[in-house]
Protein backbone atom coordinates (compact mmCIF):
# COMPACT_ATOMS: atom_id res chain seq x y z
CA MET A 1 -78.01 64.09 -23.90
CA SER A 2 -79.08 62.98 -22.22
CA PHE A 3 -78.85 60.76 -19.43
CA ARG A 4 -79.27 59.94 -14.23
CA PRO A 5 -80.20 60.19 -14.79
CA ARG A 6 -83.23 60.19 -12.88
CA PHE A 7 -84.22 57.23 -14.96
CA GLN A 8 -81.11 55.19 -14.24
CA THR A 9 -81.23 52.11 -12.15
CA ILE A 10 -77.52 51.26 -12.23
CA GLY A 11 -74.29 53.08 -12.88
CA VAL A 12 -72.75 56.30 -11.63
CA VAL A 13 -74.91 59.36 -12.09
CA LEU A 14 -72.89 62.23 -13.42
CA GLY A 15 -74.00 65.81 -13.33
CA LEU A 16 -75.23 66.28 -16.85
CA VAL A 17 -78.18 64.88 -18.63
CA LEU A 18 -78.57 62.50 -21.25
CA GLY A 19 -81.41 63.22 -23.00
CA VAL A 20 -84.83 61.88 -22.05
CA ALA A 21 -86.50 64.43 -24.15
CA LEU A 22 -90.01 64.88 -23.03
CA ALA A 23 -91.24 65.93 -26.38
CA ALA A 24 -94.66 64.95 -27.41
CA GLY A 25 -96.36 66.62 -30.25
CA ALA A 26 -94.40 69.26 -32.07
CA ALA A 27 -93.18 67.01 -34.82
CA ARG A 28 -96.67 65.62 -35.18
CA GLY A 29 -98.23 69.03 -35.76
CA GLN A 30 -99.14 69.73 -32.14
CA GLN A 31 -97.72 71.96 -29.47
CA PRO A 32 -94.78 70.28 -27.74
CA THR A 33 -95.44 69.51 -24.10
CA GLN A 34 -91.90 68.69 -23.04
CA GLU A 35 -88.80 67.40 -24.48
CA ARG A 36 -85.10 64.62 -21.83
CA VAL A 37 -83.07 60.98 -20.18
CA ALA A 38 -79.33 61.34 -20.25
CA ALA A 39 -76.28 58.12 -18.86
CA GLY A 40 -78.98 58.46 -17.89
CA PRO A 41 -80.62 59.45 -21.04
CA VAL A 42 -82.89 62.33 -22.08
CA SER A 43 -86.35 61.24 -23.07
CA SER A 44 -88.50 63.15 -25.55
CA GLN A 45 -92.15 63.90 -25.70
CA SER A 46 -92.04 65.55 -29.04
CA GLU A 47 -89.51 67.99 -29.66
CA THR A 48 -88.63 69.09 -27.20
CA PRO A 49 -85.61 65.93 -24.15
CA PRO A 50 -83.88 66.11 -24.29
CA ARG A 51 -83.58 66.63 -21.83
CA SER A 52 -84.48 67.39 -23.24
CA SER A 53 -85.70 69.41 -23.87
CA ARG A 54 -88.04 70.19 -21.17
CA GLU A 55 -89.92 73.34 -22.03
CA THR A 56 -93.59 72.62 -21.76
CA ALA A 57 -96.55 73.79 -23.71
CA SER A 58 -98.71 72.54 -20.92
CA ALA A 59 -98.67 76.03 -19.47
CA ARG A 60 -100.84 77.02 -22.43
CA ALA A 61 -103.46 74.41 -21.60
CA PRO A 62 -106.80 75.64 -20.25
CA ALA A 63 -106.88 76.25 -16.50
CA LEU A 64 -108.03 73.09 -14.71
CA ASP A 65 -109.20 72.71 -11.13
CA LEU A 66 -106.83 70.02 -9.90
CA SER A 67 -108.23 70.23 -6.40
CA LYS A 68 -110.98 67.94 -7.64
CA ASP A 69 -110.63 64.19 -7.89
CA ILE A 70 -108.62 63.67 -11.10
CA ASP A 71 -110.87 60.76 -12.09
CA SER A 72 -113.86 63.08 -12.07
CA LEU A 73 -112.30 65.38 -14.69
CA PRO A 74 -112.45 64.76 -18.45
CA GLN A 75 -109.53 62.45 -19.28
CA THR A 76 -107.88 64.59 -21.94
CA GLU A 77 -104.42 65.19 -23.29
CA ALA A 78 -104.54 68.73 -21.85
CA LEU A 79 -105.17 67.33 -18.36
CA GLY A 80 -102.26 64.91 -18.73
CA ASP A 81 -100.00 67.72 -19.94
CA THR A 82 -100.94 69.89 -16.97
CA LEU A 83 -100.24 67.09 -14.51
CA MET A 84 -96.89 66.40 -16.18
CA ALA A 85 -95.94 70.08 -15.96
CA ARG A 86 -96.69 69.98 -12.21
CA GLY A 87 -94.63 66.85 -11.65
CA ARG A 88 -97.63 64.60 -10.98
CA TYR A 89 -96.34 61.85 -13.22
CA LEU A 90 -98.34 58.93 -11.86
CA ALA A 91 -101.62 60.79 -12.25
CA ALA A 92 -100.55 61.95 -15.72
CA MET A 93 -99.72 58.38 -16.69
CA HIS A 94 -103.20 57.19 -15.70
CA VAL A 95 -104.80 60.03 -17.67
CA PHE A 96 -102.78 59.36 -20.83
CA ASP A 97 -103.67 55.66 -20.55
CA ARG A 98 -107.34 56.62 -20.72
CA VAL A 99 -107.20 59.23 -23.49
CA GLN A 100 -109.07 58.21 -26.61
CA PRO A 101 -108.48 57.94 -29.46
CA ARG A 102 -105.04 56.47 -28.82
CA SER A 103 -102.30 58.04 -30.92
CA ALA A 104 -98.52 57.82 -31.17
CA VAL A 105 -98.21 61.13 -29.32
CA ILE A 106 -100.43 59.96 -26.45
CA ALA A 107 -98.62 56.64 -26.16
CA ASN A 108 -95.28 58.47 -26.11
CA LYS A 109 -96.48 60.80 -23.34
CA ALA A 110 -97.72 57.83 -21.34
CA GLY A 111 -94.26 56.31 -21.70
CA VAL A 112 -92.53 59.49 -20.54
CA SER A 113 -94.79 59.63 -17.48
CA SER A 114 -94.03 55.98 -16.73
CA GLU A 115 -90.30 56.54 -17.11
CA HIS A 116 -90.44 59.39 -14.64
CA MET A 117 -91.99 56.91 -12.19
CA LEU A 118 -89.13 54.44 -12.95
CA MET A 119 -91.71 52.06 -14.41
CA PHE A 120 -89.39 51.00 -17.22
CA ASP A 121 -91.34 47.93 -18.35
CA LYS A 122 -94.48 50.00 -18.93
CA ALA A 123 -92.50 52.83 -20.50
CA LYS A 124 -90.96 50.37 -22.96
CA LEU A 125 -94.41 49.05 -23.94
CA ASP A 126 -95.76 52.59 -24.39
CA PHE A 127 -92.84 53.70 -26.58
CA GLU A 128 -93.12 50.51 -28.65
CA GLU A 129 -96.84 51.22 -29.10
CA ALA A 130 -96.04 54.77 -30.24
CA LEU A 131 -93.64 53.37 -32.83
CA ARG A 132 -96.19 50.83 -34.08
CA LEU A 133 -98.58 53.72 -34.62
CA ASP A 134 -95.89 55.90 -36.19
CA PRO A 135 -92.65 54.06 -37.12
CA LYS A 136 -90.94 57.35 -38.01
CA TYR A 137 -91.60 59.04 -34.68
CA ALA A 138 -88.11 60.27 -33.77
CA GLU A 139 -88.92 61.27 -30.18
CA ALA A 140 -90.43 57.88 -29.34
CA THR A 141 -87.37 56.21 -30.90
CA ASN A 142 -85.08 58.31 -28.70
CA ASN A 143 -87.20 57.55 -25.65
CA LEU A 144 -87.19 53.80 -26.24
CA ALA A 145 -83.40 54.06 -26.46
CA THR A 146 -83.31 55.70 -23.03
CA VAL A 147 -85.07 52.66 -21.53
CA TYR A 148 -82.40 50.33 -22.92
CA HIS A 149 -79.73 52.82 -21.85
CA SER A 150 -81.03 52.83 -18.29
CA ARG A 151 -80.91 49.03 -18.32
CA ASN A 152 -77.31 49.13 -19.53
CA ASP A 153 -78.23 47.51 -22.85
CA LEU A 154 -75.90 49.89 -24.65
CA GLY A 155 -75.92 48.05 -27.98
CA ARG A 156 -79.67 48.44 -28.51
CA ALA A 157 -79.62 51.94 -27.09
CA GLU A 158 -76.88 53.03 -29.50
CA LYS A 159 -78.76 51.67 -32.53
CA LEU A 160 -81.94 53.46 -31.50
CA TYR A 161 -80.20 56.78 -30.79
CA LYS A 162 -78.63 56.61 -34.24
CA LYS A 163 -82.01 55.81 -35.78
CA ALA A 164 -83.59 58.76 -33.93
CA ILE A 165 -80.87 61.04 -35.28
CA GLN A 166 -81.41 59.67 -38.79
CA LEU A 167 -85.12 60.48 -38.47
CA LYS A 168 -84.44 63.91 -36.93
CA PRO A 169 -80.83 65.08 -37.40
CA ALA A 170 -81.42 68.33 -35.49
CA SER A 171 -82.38 66.60 -32.22
CA ALA A 172 -79.95 67.91 -29.61
CA ASP A 173 -81.38 65.47 -27.09
CA SER A 174 -80.56 62.40 -29.15
CA TRP A 175 -77.05 63.67 -29.88
CA GLN A 176 -76.50 64.34 -26.19
CA ASN A 177 -77.80 60.90 -25.21
CA LEU A 178 -75.57 59.27 -27.80
CA GLY A 179 -72.58 61.21 -26.50
CA ALA A 180 -73.26 60.06 -22.95
CA LEU A 181 -73.54 56.49 -24.17
CA TYR A 182 -70.17 56.73 -25.92
CA TYR A 183 -68.62 58.05 -22.71
CA SER A 184 -70.07 55.04 -20.89
CA LYS A 185 -68.31 52.82 -23.44
CA ARG A 186 -65.08 54.84 -23.08
CA LYS A 187 -65.31 55.94 -26.72
CA PHE A 188 -64.34 59.45 -25.71
CA LYS A 189 -63.61 60.87 -29.16
CA LYS A 190 -67.05 59.84 -30.42
CA GLY A 191 -68.59 61.16 -27.22
CA ASP A 192 -66.87 64.52 -27.68
CA ASP A 193 -68.13 64.75 -31.26
CA ALA A 194 -71.72 63.91 -30.27
CA PHE A 195 -71.78 66.42 -27.40
CA ARG A 196 -70.25 69.06 -29.65
CA GLU A 197 -73.08 68.51 -32.15
CA ALA A 198 -75.71 68.71 -29.38
CA LEU A 199 -74.30 72.03 -28.20
CA ARG A 200 -74.10 73.33 -31.77
CA ILE A 201 -77.78 72.57 -32.30
CA ASP A 202 -78.91 73.84 -28.92
CA PRO A 203 -76.41 75.86 -26.84
CA GLY A 204 -78.91 75.91 -23.97
CA ILE A 205 -79.38 72.17 -23.69
CA VAL A 206 -77.18 71.96 -20.60
CA GLU A 207 -79.39 74.28 -18.59
CA ARG A 208 -82.50 72.40 -19.68
CA THR A 209 -81.19 68.93 -18.88
CA SER A 210 -78.57 69.34 -16.19
CA SER A 211 -80.75 67.77 -13.50
CA ARG A 212 -80.82 64.47 -15.33
CA GLY A 213 -77.25 63.24 -15.10
CA ILE A 214 -75.45 60.89 -17.43
CA ARG A 215 -74.51 57.29 -16.98
CA ALA A 216 -71.01 55.94 -16.81
CA SER A 217 -69.33 52.82 -15.53
CA GLY A 218 -68.87 52.92 -11.81
CA ASP A 219 -65.12 53.17 -11.33
CA LYS A 220 -63.80 56.51 -10.09
CA GLN A 221 -61.09 56.78 -12.74
CA ASN A 222 -63.63 56.49 -15.54
CA THR A 223 -65.86 59.10 -13.92
CA ALA A 224 -62.94 61.53 -13.75
CA GLU A 225 -62.10 60.89 -17.41
CA VAL A 226 -65.72 61.45 -18.49
CA HIS A 227 -65.82 64.75 -16.60
CA TYR A 228 -62.54 65.80 -18.18
CA HIS A 229 -63.97 65.20 -21.66
CA LEU A 230 -67.14 67.08 -20.78
CA ALA A 231 -64.99 70.01 -19.64
CA CYS A 232 -63.21 69.97 -22.99
CA ALA A 233 -66.49 69.88 -24.92
CA TYR A 234 -67.89 72.83 -22.98
CA ALA A 235 -64.67 74.82 -23.27
CA GLU A 236 -64.66 74.37 -27.02
CA ALA A 237 -68.31 75.48 -27.11
CA GLY A 238 -67.40 78.66 -25.21
CA ARG A 239 -69.11 77.58 -21.96
CA GLU A 240 -66.27 78.59 -19.64
CA ASN A 241 -68.14 78.24 -16.35
CA LEU A 242 -69.32 74.73 -17.13
CA ALA A 243 -65.88 73.75 -18.41
CA LEU A 244 -64.25 74.92 -15.17
CA GLU A 245 -66.90 73.15 -13.08
CA TYR A 246 -66.25 69.83 -14.80
CA LEU A 247 -62.50 70.29 -14.50
CA ARG A 248 -62.98 70.85 -10.79
CA ARG A 249 -65.02 67.65 -10.57
CA CYS A 250 -62.52 65.53 -12.46
CA ILE A 251 -59.68 66.76 -10.21
CA VAL A 252 -61.67 65.88 -7.08
CA GLU A 253 -62.27 62.44 -8.59
CA GLY A 254 -58.57 61.77 -9.09
CA PHE A 255 -57.46 63.44 -12.32
CA HIS A 256 -53.91 64.76 -11.75
CA ASP A 257 -52.38 65.24 -15.22
CA SER A 258 -51.61 68.96 -15.13
CA ASN A 259 -49.41 68.67 -18.23
CA ARG A 260 -52.32 67.26 -20.22
CA MET A 261 -54.55 70.13 -19.11
CA LEU A 262 -51.96 72.72 -20.09
CA HIS A 263 -51.49 71.28 -23.57
CA GLU A 264 -55.07 70.23 -24.33
CA LYS A 265 -56.09 72.09 -27.52
CA MET A 266 -59.76 72.18 -26.53
CA LEU A 267 -58.88 73.95 -23.29
CA ALA A 268 -56.86 76.69 -25.04
CA GLU A 269 -59.46 79.38 -24.28
CA LEU A 270 -59.19 78.68 -20.54
CA ARG A 271 -55.45 79.20 -20.23
CA THR A 272 -55.84 82.86 -19.37
CA SER A 273 -58.42 82.12 -16.70
CA PRO A 274 -57.12 82.69 -13.14
CA VAL A 275 -59.33 79.82 -11.96
CA PHE A 276 -57.85 77.44 -14.50
CA LEU A 277 -54.28 78.49 -13.70
CA LYS A 278 -54.95 78.05 -9.99
CA MET A 279 -56.25 74.52 -10.64
CA VAL A 280 -53.06 73.63 -12.52
CA GLU A 281 -50.89 75.19 -9.82
CA ASP A 282 -52.66 73.25 -7.07
CA MET A 283 -52.34 69.99 -9.03
CA LYS A 284 -48.59 70.49 -9.36
CA LYS A 285 -48.25 71.08 -5.63
CA ASN A 286 -50.13 67.89 -4.84
């Protein structure tokens, strides 16, 4: 997921995330600092992001006086984590670039900071460095995929998301990002399956990554179809409010097949909802 996302440069931003999971050290035996991009993808710092995935262990870092000139403070991972947690991504990026010794985790965090600043070329180099230092680093693999995803290089992004999942099958962020990518390619069945897996692994991933957005091709009809499929995925996962919200969006965007909604198996749990029935009634009138 996952997806915006905030890191997108082209495409329609939908209201879900793709996973840039800002996850940085958990899998490497450290405290995770963040996990997120999403269609925009969710980028990971180290599961975490999706997404992604964005709880931060930075809050546990020692208290630092950030009123001082950042350059005058010790350039440590803890300082970078604190800056990231406060949304000071450019300053965090400069700190992570100076941290020694250089490790896969530090390079990955530098890439996440760069991606937040929309500095995709630098983010790509940082994630590639992380993978040279640790070729089996699932979060860095996911994050490199989000760079290609944001550039609309869906072929490379898909291969990397799948590799990240192979390295870490329980990564909700990578599953969510892959689902968003499939929606972008109009492979809706595969997208549904990937989102269903993300929600199975982490039912709370939506709340953690919803500010990211997912990418889709720019035509209005496709956007409506993507939102319809997201509604189905959330309904099947028991997330009634989110399902109804995405149904509302797809109707606003031009979806008018009330018969399909009434007979959609994945929407069966909504058929007793007054809100759902009102939507169908209004569609028939229009």
